[in-house]
């Protein structure tokens, strides 16, 4: 089973892909592959952020119940 990457790792990978895409030395085919990778990383990062927001809301809710 693959380990879940931390949000910081996902963002670092996105930054690296952005730099590669900005390079003039990348082919169109490679650009499309990198773009597709970036979209998948973005989706994973968004999912983690939403999960974190839900956890924070749960914690805040438990404080209000006490």
PDB file of N, CA and C in Angstrom:
ATOM      1  N   UNK A   1       0.847  -1.183   0.000  1.00  0.00           N
ATOM      2  CA  UNK A   1       0.000   0.000   0.000  1.00  0.00           C
ATOM      3  C   UNK A   1       0.891   1.244   0.000  1.00  0.00           C
ATOM      4  N   UNK A   2       0.604   2.179  -0.865  1.00  0.00           N
ATOM      5  CA  UNK A   2       1.384   3.412  -0.949  1.00  0.00           C
ATOM      6  C   UNK A   2       1.085   4.304   0.257  1.00  0.00           C
ATOM      7  N   UNK A   3       2.130   4.950   0.743  1.00  0.00           N
ATOM      8  CA  UNK A   3       1.922   5.853   1.866  1.00  0.00           C
ATOM      9  C   UNK A   3       1.370   7.175   1.367  1.00  0.00           C
ATOM     10  N   UNK A   4       0.570   7.778   2.195  1.00  0.00           N
ATOM     11  CA  UNK A   4      -0.046   9.054   1.849  1.00  0.00           C
ATOM     12  C   UNK A   4       0.987  10.169   1.997  1.00  0.00           C
ATOM     13  N   UNK A   5       1.142  10.952   0.937  1.00  0.00           N
ATOM     14  CA  UNK A   5       2.098  12.055   0.983  1.00  0.00           C
ATOM     15  C   UNK A   5       1.533  13.207   1.789  1.00  0.00           C
ATOM     16  N   UNK A   6       2.427  13.879   2.490  1.00  0.00           N
ATOM     17  CA  UNK A   6       2.028  15.063   3.237  1.00  0.00           C
ATOM     18  C   UNK A   6       1.731  16.189   2.262  1.00  0.00           C
ATOM     19  N   UNK A   7       0.923  17.115   2.706  1.00  0.00           N
ATOM     20  CA  UNK A   7       0.528  18.249   1.859  1.00  0.00           C
ATOM     21  C   UNK A   7       1.764  19.021   1.403  1.00  0.00           C
ATOM     22  N   UNK A   8       2.763  19.136   2.277  1.00  0.00           N
ATOM     23  CA  UNK A   8       3.978  19.852   1.919  1.00  0.00           C
ATOM     24  C   UNK A   8       4.703  19.169   0.760  1.00  0.00           C
ATOM     25  N   UNK A   9       4.705  17.850   0.763  1.00  0.00           N
ATOM     26  CA  UNK A   9       5.342  17.105  -0.322  1.00  0.00           C
ATOM     27  C   UNK A   9       4.590  17.292  -1.639  1.00  0.00           C
ATOM     28  N   UNK A  10       3.283  17.277  -1.550  1.00  0.00           N
ATOM     29  CA  UNK A  10       2.469  17.487  -2.748  1.00  0.00           C
ATOM     30  C   UNK A  10       2.717  18.875  -3.337  1.00  0.00           C
ATOM     31  N   UNK A  11       2.767  19.874  -2.481  1.00  0.00           N
ATOM     32  CA  UNK A  11       3.001  21.240  -2.944  1.00  0.00           C
ATOM     33  C   UNK A  11       4.392  21.407  -3.535  1.00  0.00           C
ATOM     34  N   UNK A  12       5.362  20.728  -2.946  1.00  0.00           N
ATOM     35  CA  UNK A  12       6.719  20.785  -3.487  1.00  0.00           C
ATOM     36  C   UNK A  12       6.768  20.149  -4.881  1.00  0.00           C
ATOM     37  N   UNK A  13       6.080  19.027  -5.039  1.00  0.00           N
ATOM     38  CA  UNK A  13       6.032  18.386  -6.354  1.00  0.00           C
ATOM     39  C   UNK A  13       5.340  19.289  -7.377  1.00  0.00           C
ATOM     40  N   UNK A  14       4.269  19.932  -6.962  1.00  0.00           N
ATOM     41  CA  UNK A  14       3.572  20.861  -7.860  1.00  0.00           C
ATOM     42  C   UNK A  14       4.486  22.012  -8.270  1.00  0.00           C
ATOM     43  N   UNK A  15       5.247  22.514  -7.330  1.00  0.00           N
ATOM     44  CA  UNK A  15       6.188  23.595  -7.633  1.00  0.00           C
ATOM     45  C   UNK A  15       7.236  23.140  -8.643  1.00  0.00           C
ATOM     46  N   UNK A  16       7.746  21.934  -8.443  1.00  0.00           N
ATOM     47  CA  UNK A  16       8.752  21.401  -9.364  1.00  0.00           C
ATOM     48  C   UNK A  16       8.182  21.204 -10.769  1.00  0.00           C
ATOM     49  N   UNK A  17       6.963  20.714 -10.843  1.00  0.00           N
ATOM     50  CA  UNK A  17       6.318  20.521 -12.153  1.00  0.00           C
ATOM     51  C   UNK A  17       6.113  21.868 -12.829  1.00  0.00           C
ATOM     52  N   UNK A  18       5.717  22.864 -12.064  1.00  0.00           N
ATOM     53  CA  UNK A  18       5.521  24.206 -12.620  1.00  0.00           C
ATOM     54  C   UNK A  18       6.818  24.722 -13.237  1.00  0.00           C
ATOM     55  N   UNK A  19       7.912  24.528 -12.529  1.00  0.00           N
ATOM     56  CA  UNK A  19       9.211  24.964 -13.048  1.00  0.00           C
ATOM     57  C   UNK A  19       9.552  24.226 -14.349  1.00  0.00           C
ATOM     58  N   UNK A  20       9.268  22.928 -14.370  1.00  0.00           N
ATOM     59  CA  UNK A  20       9.541  22.152 -15.573  1.00  0.00           C
ATOM     60  C   UNK A  20       8.690  22.637 -16.750  1.00  0.00           C
ATOM     61  N   UNK A  21       7.430  22.942 -16.465  1.00  0.00           N
ATOM     62  CA  UNK A  21       6.533  23.410 -17.520  1.00  0.00           C
ATOM     63  C   UNK A  21       6.941  24.779 -18.047  1.00  0.00           C
ATOM     64  N   UNK A  22       7.556  25.579 -17.204  1.00  0.00           N
ATOM     65  CA  UNK A  22       8.003  26.901 -17.623  1.00  0.00           C
ATOM     66  C   UNK A  22       9.294  26.842 -18.435  1.00  0.00           C
ATOM     67  N   UNK A  23       9.938  25.687 -18.400  1.00  0.00           N
ATOM     68  CA  UNK A  23      11.184  25.507 -19.132  1.00  0.00           C
ATOM     69  C   UNK A  23      10.916  25.507 -20.633  1.00  0.00           C
ATOM     70  N   UNK A  24      11.826  26.065 -21.384  1.00  0.00           N
ATOM     71  CA  UNK A  24      11.682  26.075 -22.839  1.00  0.00           C
ATOM     72  C   UNK A  24      12.150  24.762 -23.455  1.00  0.00           C
ATOM     73  N   UNK A  25      12.749  23.905 -22.658  1.00  0.00           N
ATOM     74  CA  UNK A  25      13.323  22.666 -23.162  1.00  0.00           C
ATOM     75  C   UNK A  25      12.377  21.466 -23.068  1.00  0.00           C
ATOM     76  N   UNK A  26      11.125  21.673 -22.783  1.00  0.00           N
ATOM     77  CA  UNK A  26      10.194  20.566 -22.609  1.00  0.00           C
ATOM     78  C   UNK A  26       9.321  20.428 -23.864  1.00  0.00           C
ATOM     79  N   UNK A  27       9.133  19.202 -24.270  1.00  0.00           N
ATOM     80  CA  UNK A  27       8.320  18.959 -25.466  1.00  0.00           C
ATOM     81  C   UNK A  27       6.836  19.075 -25.131  1.00  0.00           C
ATOM     82  N   UNK A  28       6.029  19.188 -26.160  1.00  0.00           N
ATOM     83  CA  UNK A  28       4.583  19.270 -25.964  1.00  0.00           C
ATOM     84  C   UNK A  28       4.068  18.011 -25.283  1.00  0.00           C
ATOM     85  N   UNK A  29       4.526  16.865 -25.727  1.00  0.00           N
ATOM     86  CA  UNK A  29       4.089  15.598 -25.134  1.00  0.00           C
ATOM     87  C   UNK A  29       4.442  15.524 -23.652  1.00  0.00           C
ATOM     88  N   UNK A  30       5.663  15.914 -23.307  1.00  0.00           N
ATOM     89  CA  UNK A  30       6.078  15.918 -21.907  1.00  0.00           C
ATOM     90  C   UNK A  30       5.299  16.960 -21.107  1.00  0.00           C
ATOM     91  N   UNK A  31       4.996  18.076 -21.725  1.00  0.00           N
ATOM     92  CA  UNK A  31       4.201  19.113 -21.064  1.00  0.00           C
ATOM     93  C   UNK A  31       2.824  18.576 -20.687  1.00  0.00           C
ATOM     94  N   UNK A  32       2.223  17.845 -21.593  1.00  0.00           N
ATOM     95  CA  UNK A  32       0.895  17.280 -21.328  1.00  0.00           C
ATOM     96  C   UNK A  32       0.961  16.269 -20.188  1.00  0.00           C
ATOM     97  N   UNK A  33       1.996  15.434 -20.176  1.00  0.00           N
ATOM     98  CA  UNK A  33       2.158  14.452 -19.101  1.00  0.00           C
ATOM     99  C   UNK A  33       2.349  15.153 -17.752  1.00  0.00           C
ATOM    100  N   UNK A  34       3.188  16.175 -17.769  1.00  0.00           N
ATOM    101  CA  UNK A  34       3.440  16.917 -16.524  1.00  0.00           C
ATOM    102  C   UNK A  34       2.182  17.626 -16.042  1.00  0.00           C
ATOM    103  N   UNK A  35       1.422  18.171 -16.972  1.00  0.00           N
ATOM    104  CA  UNK A  35       0.172  18.837 -16.617  1.00  0.00           C
ATOM    105  C   UNK A  35      -0.789  17.835 -15.979  1.00  0.00           C
ATOM    106  N   UNK A  36      -0.863  16.652 -16.555  1.00  0.00           N
ATOM    107  CA  UNK A  36      -1.740  15.616 -16.009  1.00  0.00           C
ATOM    108  C   UNK A  36      -1.297  15.224 -14.599  1.00  0.00           C
ATOM    109  N   UNK A  37       0.014  15.103 -14.389  1.00  0.00           N
ATOM    110  CA  UNK A  37       0.538  14.814 -13.050  1.00  0.00           C
ATOM    111  C   UNK A  37       0.152  15.925 -12.074  1.00  0.00           C
ATOM    112  N   UNK A  38       0.277  17.156 -12.523  1.00  0.00           N
ATOM    113  CA  UNK A  38      -0.041  18.299 -11.668  1.00  0.00           C
ATOM    114  C   UNK A  38      -1.507  18.290 -11.259  1.00  0.00           C
ATOM    115  N   UNK A  39      -2.385  17.954 -12.188  1.00  0.00           N
ATOM    116  CA  UNK A  39      -3.819  17.904 -11.880  1.00  0.00           C
ATOM    117  C   UNK A  39      -4.086  16.847 -10.807  1.00  0.00           C
ATOM    118  N   UNK A  40      -3.448  15.688 -10.931  1.00  0.00           N
ATOM    119  CA  UNK A  40      -3.640  14.627  -9.936  1.00  0.00           C
ATOM    120  C   UNK A  40      -3.106  15.045  -8.565  1.00  0.00           C
ATOM    121  N   UNK A  41      -1.941  15.684  -8.549  1.00  0.00           N
ATOM    122  CA  UNK A  41      -1.387  16.173  -7.287  1.00  0.00           C
ATOM    123  C   UNK A  41      -2.293  17.227  -6.660  1.00  0.00           C
ATOM    124  N   UNK A  42      -2.839  18.096  -7.501  1.00  0.00           N
ATOM    125  CA  UNK A  42      -3.756  19.137  -7.019  1.00  0.00           C
ATOM    126  C   UNK A  42      -4.988  18.506  -6.369  1.00  0.00           C
ATOM    127  N   UNK A  43      -5.525  17.488  -7.010  1.00  0.00           N
ATOM    128  CA  UNK A  43      -6.705  16.810  -6.458  1.00  0.00           C
ATOM    129  C   UNK A  43      -6.397  16.194  -5.096  1.00  0.00           C
ATOM    130  N   UNK A  44      -5.229  15.565  -4.989  1.00  0.00           N
ATOM    131  CA  UNK A  44      -4.828  14.960  -3.718  1.00  0.00           C
ATOM    132  C   UNK A  44      -4.659  16.027  -2.641  1.00  0.00           C
ATOM    133  N   UNK A  45      -4.038  17.141  -2.991  1.00  0.00           N
ATOM    134  CA  UNK A  45      -3.832  18.222  -2.031  1.00  0.00           C
ATOM    135  C   UNK A  45      -5.176  18.802  -1.581  1.00  0.00           C
ATOM    136  N   UNK A  46      -6.078  19.007  -2.526  1.00  0.00           N
ATOM    137  CA  UNK A  46      -7.407  19.530  -2.189  1.00  0.00           C
ATOM    138  C   UNK A  46      -8.145  18.588  -1.244  1.00  0.00           C
ATOM    139  N   UNK A  47      -8.045  17.284  -1.502  1.00  0.00           N
ATOM    140  CA  UNK A  47      -8.709  16.292  -0.652  1.00  0.00           C
ATOM    141  C   UNK A  47      -8.152  16.367   0.766  1.00  0.00           C
ATOM    142  N   UNK A  48      -6.827  16.455   0.886  1.00  0.00           N
ATOM    143  CA  UNK A  48      -6.223  16.548   2.213  1.00  0.00           C
ATOM    144  C   UNK A  48      -6.633  17.820   2.938  1.00  0.00           C
ATOM    145  N   UNK A  49      -6.694  18.918   2.209  1.00  0.00           N
ATOM    146  CA  UNK A  49      -7.119  20.174   2.836  1.00  0.00           C
ATOM    147  C   UNK A  49      -8.558  20.088   3.322  1.00  0.00           C
ATOM    148  N   UNK A  50      -9.424  19.486   2.527  1.00  0.00           N
ATOM    149  CA  UNK A  50     -10.823  19.334   2.946  1.00  0.00           C
ATOM    150  C   UNK A  50     -10.930  18.437   4.174  1.00  0.00           C
ATOM    151  N   UNK A  51     -10.156  17.351   4.184  1.00  0.00           N
ATOM    152  CA  UNK A  51     -10.151  16.460   5.347  1.00  0.00           C
ATOM    153  C   UNK A  51      -9.670  17.195   6.587  1.00  0.00           C
ATOM    154  N   UNK A  52      -8.654  18.017   6.432  1.00  0.00           N
ATOM    155  CA  UNK A  52      -8.129  18.792   7.558  1.00  0.00           C
ATOM    156  C   UNK A  52      -9.165  19.787   8.061  1.00  0.00           C
ATOM    157  N   UNK A  53      -9.853  20.432   7.141  1.00  0.00           N
ATOM    158  CA  UNK A  53     -10.903  21.377   7.532  1.00  0.00           C
ATOM    159  C   UNK A  53     -12.002  20.667   8.320  1.00  0.00           C
ATOM    160  N   UNK A  54     -12.380  19.479   7.881  1.00  0.00           N
ATOM    161  CA  UNK A  54     -13.409  18.715   8.594  1.00  0.00           C
ATOM    162  C   UNK A  54     -12.946  18.352  10.001  1.00  0.00           C
ATOM    163  N   UNK A  55     -11.691  17.946  10.140  1.00  0.00           N
ATOM    164  CA  UNK A  55     -11.159  17.611  11.465  1.00  0.00           C
ATOM    165  C   UNK A  55     -11.176  18.824  12.378  1.00  0.00           C
ATOM    166  N   UNK A  56     -10.788  19.969  11.837  1.00  0.00           N
ATOM    167  CA  UNK A  56     -10.787  21.195  12.639  1.00  0.00           C
ATOM    168  C   UNK A  56     -12.203  21.541  13.085  1.00  0.00           C
ATOM    169  N   UNK A  57     -13.155  21.405  12.174  1.00  0.00           N
ATOM    170  CA  UNK A  57     -14.551  21.683  12.528  1.00  0.00           C
ATOM    171  C   UNK A  57     -15.050  20.715  13.595  1.00  0.00           C
ATOM    172  N   UNK A  58     -14.649  19.452  13.520  1.00  0.00           N
ATOM    173  CA  UNK A  58     -15.021  18.475  14.548  1.00  0.00           C
ATOM    174  C   UNK A  58     -14.450  18.870  15.900  1.00  0.00           C
ATOM    175  N   UNK A  59     -13.194  19.282  15.902  1.00  0.00           N
ATOM    176  CA  UNK A  59     -12.556  19.688  17.154  1.00  0.00           C
ATOM    177  C   UNK A  59     -13.253  20.916  17.729  1.00  0.00           C
ATOM    178  N   UNK A  60     -13.523  21.884  16.868  1.00  0.00           N
ATOM    179  CA  UNK A  60     -14.232  23.083  17.340  1.00  0.00           C
ATOM    180  C   UNK A  60     -15.611  22.716  17.863  1.00  0.00           C
ATOM    181  N   UNK A  61     -16.280  21.792  17.198  1.00  0.00           N
ATOM    182  CA  UNK A  61     -17.613  21.362  17.644  1.00  0.00           C
ATOM    183  C   UNK A  61     -17.549  20.686  18.991  1.00  0.00           C
ATOM    184  N   UNK A  62     -16.519  19.892  19.227  1.00  0.00           N
ATOM    185  CA  UNK A  62     -16.386  19.197  20.516  1.00  0.00           C
ATOM    186  C   UNK A  62     -16.116  20.199  21.631  1.00  0.00           C
ATOM    187  N   UNK A  63     -15.462  21.303  21.337  1.00  0.00           N
ATOM    188  CA  UNK A  63     -15.222  22.342  22.337  1.00  0.00           C
ATOM    189  C   UNK A  63     -16.523  23.023  22.732  1.00  0.00           C
ATOM    190  N   UNK A  64     -17.377  23.222  21.725  1.00  0.00           N
ATOM    191  CA  UNK A  64     -18.647  23.896  21.974  1.00  0.00           C
ATOM    192  C   UNK A  64     -19.611  23.012  22.743  1.00  0.00           C
ATOM    193  N   UNK A  65     -19.464  21.675  22.639  1.00  0.00           N
ATOM    194  CA  UNK A  65     -20.348  20.741  23.330  1.00  0.00           C
ATOM    195  C   UNK A  65     -20.038  20.668  24.813  1.00  0.00           C
ATOM    196  N   UNK A  66     -18.808  21.012  25.187  1.00  0.00           N
ATOM    197  CA  UNK A  66     -18.397  20.907  26.603  1.00  0.00           C
ATOM    198  C   UNK A  66     -18.907  22.031  27.426  1.00  0.00           C
TER     199      UNK A  66
END
